[in-house]
Amino acid sequence: MAGAGLVLSGNPLSAIEPIVRKGQARMKLSVAAYSFRRHFRWMKGKAQNPTGRAIDMRQFIDLCADYGCEGTELTSYFFQGDADDAYYLGLKHYAFLRGIEISGTAVGNNFALPMGRARDEQVAAVKAWIDKAAVLGAPHVRVFAGGAKGLDEAHARKLCISALEECCEYAGTKGVFLGLENHGGIVARAEGMLEIIAAVKSPWFGVNLDTGNFHTEDPYADLAKIAPYAVNVQVKVEMRAAGQKEKVPADMGRVAKILRDAGYQGYVALEYEANGDPFKEVPLQLDALRRAIGG
């Protein structure tokens, strides 16, 4: 993503503009570990009782390789609880020998907090995961904005922007991109997301575009608004627009066109959140996604 052909318009201290990439759109497949969330032996540092078949992170890497993916997205929640750098280096070594790249990792955080200890802890936690991403060789970390929870939304966005800038400054020293996900809260709508995008001053910042997280009147149109800033993409198999009681199958072809129109070059990670058995459904959905992005 950060090699030749990628240009962030303006100088490095300007807020980001749509990413200009040379050549045609190119997309590679990955799977988000969250797709198998009920089956991991670990959840946020604690042992859990998996549902049905149990897996660890190495076995998840095996799944991604066996599914013919180029990448594997290692969600932070499912790492071994007592993990140290040797553990992460071991995963990096294992993935390389399986011929698969670690496309990124993902954390859960809230930057829409007032100044104080709780906010400082959130910033510190993200920086710690930037360190882990660097050890893993992951080029991207997904982050959240958070919910205002009693704060004025405009003020919450300013707090989020300053936290993002601080973390991006640190991420740049490690060669890691931070991708802000459109994940409800103060970025539930494209307008709120774009306000933050337009303000954050860092060449190491972009969007983690999640296709299933806009529940607006026209989710596809809103995805198209933020797609030009994407540094990583997570695809859900279902979507729900405003006024719809139930989720409906995502139009993979339409999603792929949005990404091609934006000139996106990078990973597209399937994040399966539907109710089916991921061991059966993920390979089927990957085939559908592979056909869509190949078209």
Protein backbone atom coordinates (compact mmCIF):
# COMPACT_ATOMS: atom_id res chain seq x y z
CA MET A 1 0.00 0.00 0.00
CA ALA A 2 2.75 2.45 0.87
CA GLY A 3 5.04 1.66 -2.02
CA ALA A 4 5.62 3.46 -5.29
CA GLY A 5 2.47 4.69 -6.95
CA LEU A 6 0.66 5.80 -3.81
CA VAL A 7 0.48 9.55 -3.27
CA LEU A 8 -1.24 11.48 -0.51
CA SER A 9 -2.08 14.86 -1.98
CA GLY A 10 -0.61 17.84 -0.13
CA ASN A 11 2.31 17.94 2.28
CA PRO A 12 2.76 15.35 5.05
CA LEU A 13 1.26 17.64 7.70
CA SER A 14 -1.95 18.33 5.78
CA ALA A 15 -5.22 16.55 6.36
CA ILE A 16 -5.51 13.65 3.94
CA GLU A 17 -7.09 13.96 0.52
CA PRO A 18 -8.46 11.06 -1.53
CA ILE A 19 -5.61 8.64 -2.14
CA VAL A 20 -4.22 8.82 -5.66
CA ARG A 21 -2.84 5.51 -6.90
CA LYS A 22 -1.24 4.77 -10.25
CA GLY A 23 -2.77 2.15 -12.47
CA GLN A 24 -5.97 0.18 -12.18
CA ALA A 25 -7.68 -1.04 -9.04
CA ARG A 26 -6.15 -4.23 -7.61
CA MET A 27 -7.62 -6.23 -4.76
CA LYS A 28 -6.37 -9.19 -2.74
CA LEU A 29 -8.46 -11.42 -0.48
CA SER A 30 -8.12 -11.83 3.26
CA VAL A 31 -10.37 -13.05 6.07
CA ALA A 32 -10.93 -11.27 9.37
CA ALA A 33 -10.44 -13.53 12.38
CA TYR A 34 -13.65 -12.03 13.80
CA SER A 35 -15.47 -14.26 11.30
CA PHE A 36 -14.66 -17.21 13.61
CA ARG A 37 -15.17 -15.30 16.88
CA ARG A 38 -17.19 -18.06 18.56
CA HIS A 39 -14.52 -20.67 17.87
CA PHE A 40 -11.32 -19.11 19.24
CA ARG A 41 -9.83 -20.40 22.46
CA TRP A 42 -9.02 -16.88 23.61
CA MET A 43 -11.13 -13.72 23.90
CA LYS A 44 -9.49 -10.44 24.93
CA GLY A 45 -6.75 -12.14 26.90
CA LYS A 46 -8.94 -14.68 28.65
CA ALA A 47 -9.62 -18.33 27.87
CA GLN A 48 -13.13 -18.89 26.56
CA ASN A 49 -15.23 -21.96 25.86
CA PRO A 50 -15.50 -22.09 22.08
CA THR A 51 -18.69 -23.09 20.33
CA GLY A 52 -18.16 -26.36 18.49
CA ARG A 53 -14.82 -26.63 16.72
CA ALA A 54 -12.06 -24.78 18.59
CA ILE A 55 -9.18 -23.01 16.86
CA ASP A 56 -6.18 -20.90 17.74
CA MET A 57 -4.51 -18.20 15.65
CA ARG A 58 -2.21 -20.61 13.80
CA GLN A 59 -5.16 -22.75 12.81
CA PHE A 60 -6.94 -19.63 11.60
CA ILE A 61 -3.93 -18.78 9.43
CA ASP A 62 -4.18 -22.31 8.05
CA LEU A 63 -7.82 -21.72 7.15
CA CYS A 64 -7.00 -18.51 5.24
CA ALA A 65 -4.22 -20.27 3.35
CA ASP A 66 -6.41 -23.29 2.57
CA TYR A 67 -9.14 -20.97 1.29
CA GLY A 68 -6.69 -19.56 -1.25
CA CYS A 69 -6.46 -16.10 0.29
CA GLU A 70 -3.43 -13.88 -0.09
CA GLY A 71 -3.82 -12.46 3.41
CA THR A 72 -5.01 -13.11 6.95
CA GLU A 73 -6.40 -10.40 9.24
CA LEU A 74 -5.58 -11.18 12.86
CA THR A 75 -8.15 -9.49 15.10
CA SER A 76 -6.50 -8.55 18.40
CA TYR A 77 -9.25 -10.07 20.57
CA PHE A 78 -8.22 -13.65 19.85
CA PHE A 79 -4.50 -13.70 20.56
CA GLN A 80 -3.17 -15.89 23.34
CA GLY A 81 -3.59 -14.18 26.68
CA ASP A 82 0.04 -14.27 27.80
CA ALA A 83 1.43 -13.41 24.37
CA ASP A 84 4.86 -11.80 24.13
CA ASP A 85 6.96 -10.67 21.18
CA ALA A 86 8.24 -14.24 20.69
CA TYR A 87 4.62 -15.39 20.21
CA TYR A 88 3.91 -12.70 17.60
CA LEU A 89 7.17 -13.41 15.79
CA GLY A 90 6.19 -17.07 15.76
CA LEU A 91 2.91 -16.21 14.04
CA LYS A 92 4.76 -14.05 11.51
CA HIS A 93 7.14 -16.94 10.81
CA TYR A 94 4.29 -19.42 10.50
CA ALA A 95 2.26 -17.23 8.13
CA PHE A 96 5.26 -16.63 5.90
CA LEU A 97 5.95 -20.35 5.56
CA ARG A 98 2.29 -20.88 4.66
CA GLY A 99 2.73 -18.35 1.88
CA ILE A 100 0.32 -15.83 3.31
CA GLU A 101 0.69 -12.20 4.37
CA ILE A 102 -0.65 -10.73 7.58
CA SER A 103 -2.86 -8.11 5.97
CA GLY A 104 -3.55 -6.27 9.22
CA THR A 105 -4.89 -6.45 12.72
CA ALA A 106 -7.83 -4.81 14.45
CA VAL A 107 -8.41 -3.29 17.87
CA GLY A 108 -11.47 -2.06 19.73
CA ASN A 109 -11.19 1.40 21.29
CA ASN A 110 -13.07 4.60 22.07
CA PHE A 111 -11.43 7.94 21.26
CA ALA A 112 -14.61 9.96 21.92
CA LEU A 113 -13.77 10.44 25.58
CA PRO A 114 -13.06 13.58 27.61
CA MET A 115 -9.48 14.38 28.51
CA GLY A 116 -8.39 12.26 31.44
CA ARG A 117 -7.23 8.85 32.53
CA ALA A 118 -9.75 6.78 30.56
CA ARG A 119 -8.87 8.50 27.31
CA ASP A 120 -5.15 8.22 28.02
CA GLU A 121 -5.59 4.48 28.54
CA GLN A 122 -7.33 4.13 25.18
CA VAL A 123 -4.52 5.97 23.41
CA ALA A 124 -1.90 3.87 25.20
CA ALA A 125 -3.71 0.64 24.28
CA VAL A 126 -3.77 1.55 20.59
CA LYS A 127 -0.08 2.45 20.67
CA ALA A 128 0.65 -0.91 22.28
CA TRP A 129 -1.14 -2.65 19.42
CA ILE A 130 0.79 -0.59 16.91
CA ASP A 131 3.91 -2.10 18.48
CA LYS A 132 2.46 -5.59 18.13
CA ALA A 133 1.47 -4.90 14.51
CA ALA A 134 5.05 -3.87 13.77
CA VAL A 135 6.36 -7.12 15.29
CA LEU A 136 3.84 -9.12 13.24
CA GLY A 137 4.71 -7.20 10.08
CA ALA A 138 1.09 -6.07 9.76
CA PRO A 139 0.86 -2.87 7.69
CA HIS A 140 -2.51 -1.77 9.04
CA VAL A 141 -4.43 -1.50 12.32
CA ARG A 142 -8.20 -0.97 12.36
CA VAL A 143 -9.35 1.56 14.99
CA PHE A 144 -12.71 2.93 16.12
CA ALA A 145 -13.88 6.46 16.81
CA GLY A 146 -16.32 5.58 19.59
CA GLY A 147 -19.58 7.01 20.86
CA ALA A 148 -20.07 10.43 22.41
CA LYS A 149 -22.00 9.11 25.46
CA GLY A 150 -23.17 12.41 26.90
CA LEU A 151 -20.64 14.61 25.14
CA ASP A 152 -21.57 17.06 22.44
CA GLU A 153 -20.86 15.20 19.16
CA ALA A 154 -18.83 18.06 17.70
CA HIS A 155 -16.63 18.09 20.80
CA ALA A 156 -16.38 14.29 20.74
CA ARG A 157 -15.13 14.44 17.15
CA LYS A 158 -12.44 16.96 18.12
CA LEU A 159 -11.31 14.66 20.92
CA CYS A 160 -11.25 11.75 18.49
CA ILE A 161 -9.25 13.75 15.94
CA SER A 162 -6.56 14.69 18.44
CA ALA A 163 -6.26 11.07 19.64
CA LEU A 164 -6.02 9.83 16.07
CA GLU A 165 -3.30 12.35 15.26
CA GLU A 166 -1.29 11.33 18.32
CA CYS A 167 -1.59 7.64 17.49
CA CYS A 168 -0.87 8.19 13.78
CA GLU A 169 2.28 10.11 14.65
CA TYR A 170 3.43 7.09 16.65
CA ALA A 171 2.25 4.61 13.99
CA GLY A 172 4.32 6.41 11.37
CA THR A 173 7.49 5.69 13.33
CA LYS A 174 6.65 1.98 13.00
CA GLY A 175 5.54 2.08 9.36
CA VAL A 176 1.95 1.15 10.23
CA PHE A 177 -1.25 2.69 8.84
CA LEU A 178 -4.26 3.38 11.06
CA GLY A 179 -7.63 2.88 9.41
CA LEU A 180 -10.67 4.48 11.02
CA GLU A 181 -13.71 2.24 10.64
CA ASN A 182 -17.21 3.52 9.94
CA HIS A 183 -18.44 1.80 13.08
CA GLY A 184 -21.43 3.64 14.52
CA GLY A 185 -21.18 6.26 17.24
CA ILE A 186 -19.82 9.57 15.96
CA VAL A 187 -19.12 8.02 12.54
CA ALA A 188 -22.50 6.34 12.04
CA ARG A 189 -23.10 8.57 9.02
CA ALA A 190 -20.77 9.44 6.18
CA GLU A 191 -20.90 13.14 7.03
CA GLY A 192 -19.49 12.59 10.51
CA MET A 193 -16.86 10.24 9.14
CA LEU A 194 -15.81 12.74 6.48
CA GLU A 195 -15.54 15.52 9.05
CA ILE A 196 -12.93 13.51 10.93
CA ILE A 197 -11.16 12.41 7.75
CA ALA A 198 -10.89 16.03 6.61
CA ALA A 199 -9.31 17.09 9.90
CA VAL A 200 -6.76 14.41 10.78
CA LYS A 201 -3.29 15.51 9.72
CA SER A 202 -1.19 12.42 9.06
CA PRO A 203 0.06 10.53 6.00
CA TRP A 204 -0.36 7.31 8.02
CA PHE A 205 -4.13 7.71 8.36
CA GLY A 206 -6.95 6.39 6.23
CA VAL A 207 -10.29 4.58 6.30
CA ASN A 208 -11.02 1.00 7.22
CA LEU A 209 -14.10 0.73 5.04
CA ASP A 210 -16.64 -1.71 6.47
CA THR A 211 -19.39 -2.44 3.98
CA GLY A 212 -21.96 -3.51 6.57
CA ASN A 213 -21.79 -0.66 9.06
CA PHE A 214 -23.74 2.17 7.43
CA HIS A 215 -27.43 1.79 8.30
CA THR A 216 -28.42 4.95 6.47
CA GLU A 217 -30.96 5.66 3.74
CA ASP A 218 -28.46 4.62 1.05
CA PRO A 219 -25.52 2.66 2.51
CA TYR A 220 -23.94 2.05 -0.88
CA ALA A 221 -23.86 5.76 -1.69
CA ASP A 222 -22.28 6.48 1.70
CA LEU A 223 -19.66 3.78 1.15
CA ALA A 224 -18.79 5.43 -2.15
CA LYS A 225 -18.14 8.72 -0.31
CA ILE A 226 -15.47 7.24 1.95
CA ALA A 227 -14.02 4.62 -0.41
CA PRO A 228 -11.44 7.06 -1.90
CA TYR A 229 -9.77 7.21 1.54
CA ALA A 230 -9.66 3.44 2.14
CA VAL A 231 -6.43 1.76 3.23
CA ASN A 232 -8.23 -1.47 4.13
CA VAL A 233 -11.65 -2.95 3.36
CA GLN A 234 -13.79 -5.35 5.37
CA VAL A 235 -16.73 -6.88 3.54
CA LYS A 236 -19.85 -8.10 5.29
CA VAL A 237 -22.20 -10.51 3.55
CA GLU A 238 -25.31 -8.66 4.79
CA MET A 239 -26.42 -5.03 4.89
CA ARG A 240 -29.34 -3.13 6.40
CA ALA A 241 -30.52 0.29 5.27
CA ALA A 242 -32.55 2.69 7.38
CA GLY A 243 -36.14 1.49 7.69
CA GLN A 244 -35.31 -2.14 6.99
CA LYS A 245 -36.18 -4.50 9.83
CA GLU A 246 -34.02 -7.33 8.57
CA LYS A 247 -30.59 -7.51 7.00
CA VAL A 248 -30.44 -8.41 3.32
CA PRO A 249 -27.66 -10.07 1.31
CA ALA A 250 -24.99 -7.61 0.23
CA ASP A 251 -24.60 -6.91 -3.47
CA MET A 252 -20.98 -7.99 -3.85
CA GLY A 253 -20.83 -6.77 -7.42
CA ARG A 254 -21.96 -3.30 -6.40
CA VAL A 255 -19.44 -3.22 -3.55
CA ALA A 256 -16.66 -4.25 -5.92
CA LYS A 257 -17.65 -1.52 -8.40
CA ILE A 258 -17.46 1.10 -5.64
CA LEU A 259 -13.92 -0.04 -4.85
CA ARG A 260 -12.89 -0.15 -8.50
CA ASP A 261 -14.33 3.31 -9.12
CA ALA A 262 -12.25 4.58 -6.18
CA GLY A 263 -9.14 2.99 -7.69
CA TYR A 264 -8.64 0.94 -4.54
CA GLN A 265 -5.50 -1.16 -4.37
CA GLY A 266 -5.15 -3.38 -1.33
CA TYR A 267 -6.74 -6.03 0.80
CA VAL A 268 -10.42 -6.90 0.93
CA ALA A 269 -11.06 -8.92 4.09
CA LEU A 270 -14.23 -10.94 4.44
CA GLU A 271 -15.70 -10.38 7.90
CA TYR A 272 -18.46 -12.93 8.27
CA GLU A 273 -21.05 -11.92 10.87
CA ALA A 274 -24.12 -13.80 9.63
CA ASN A 275 -25.60 -16.69 11.60
CA GLY A 276 -24.30 -19.59 9.53
CA ASP A 277 -21.43 -21.93 10.30
CA PRO A 278 -18.32 -19.97 9.27
CA PHE A 279 -16.43 -23.16 8.42
CA LYS A 280 -19.06 -23.81 5.73
CA GLU A 281 -20.06 -20.28 4.78
CA VAL A 282 -16.73 -18.42 4.67
CA PRO A 283 -15.30 -20.41 1.73
CA LEU A 284 -18.57 -20.00 -0.18
CA GLN A 285 -18.69 -16.26 0.47
CA LEU A 286 -15.02 -15.94 -0.47
CA ASP A 287 -15.80 -17.53 -3.83
CA ALA A 288 -18.58 -14.98 -4.40
CA LEU A 289 -16.31 -12.12 -3.36
CA ARG A 290 -13.47 -13.45 -5.51
CA ARG A 291 -15.77 -13.43 -8.55
CA ALA A 292 -16.96 -9.91 -7.76
CA ILE A 293 -13.55 -8.29 -7.37
CA GLY A 294 -12.23 -10.27 -10.32
CA GLY A 295 -14.92 -8.78 -12.54
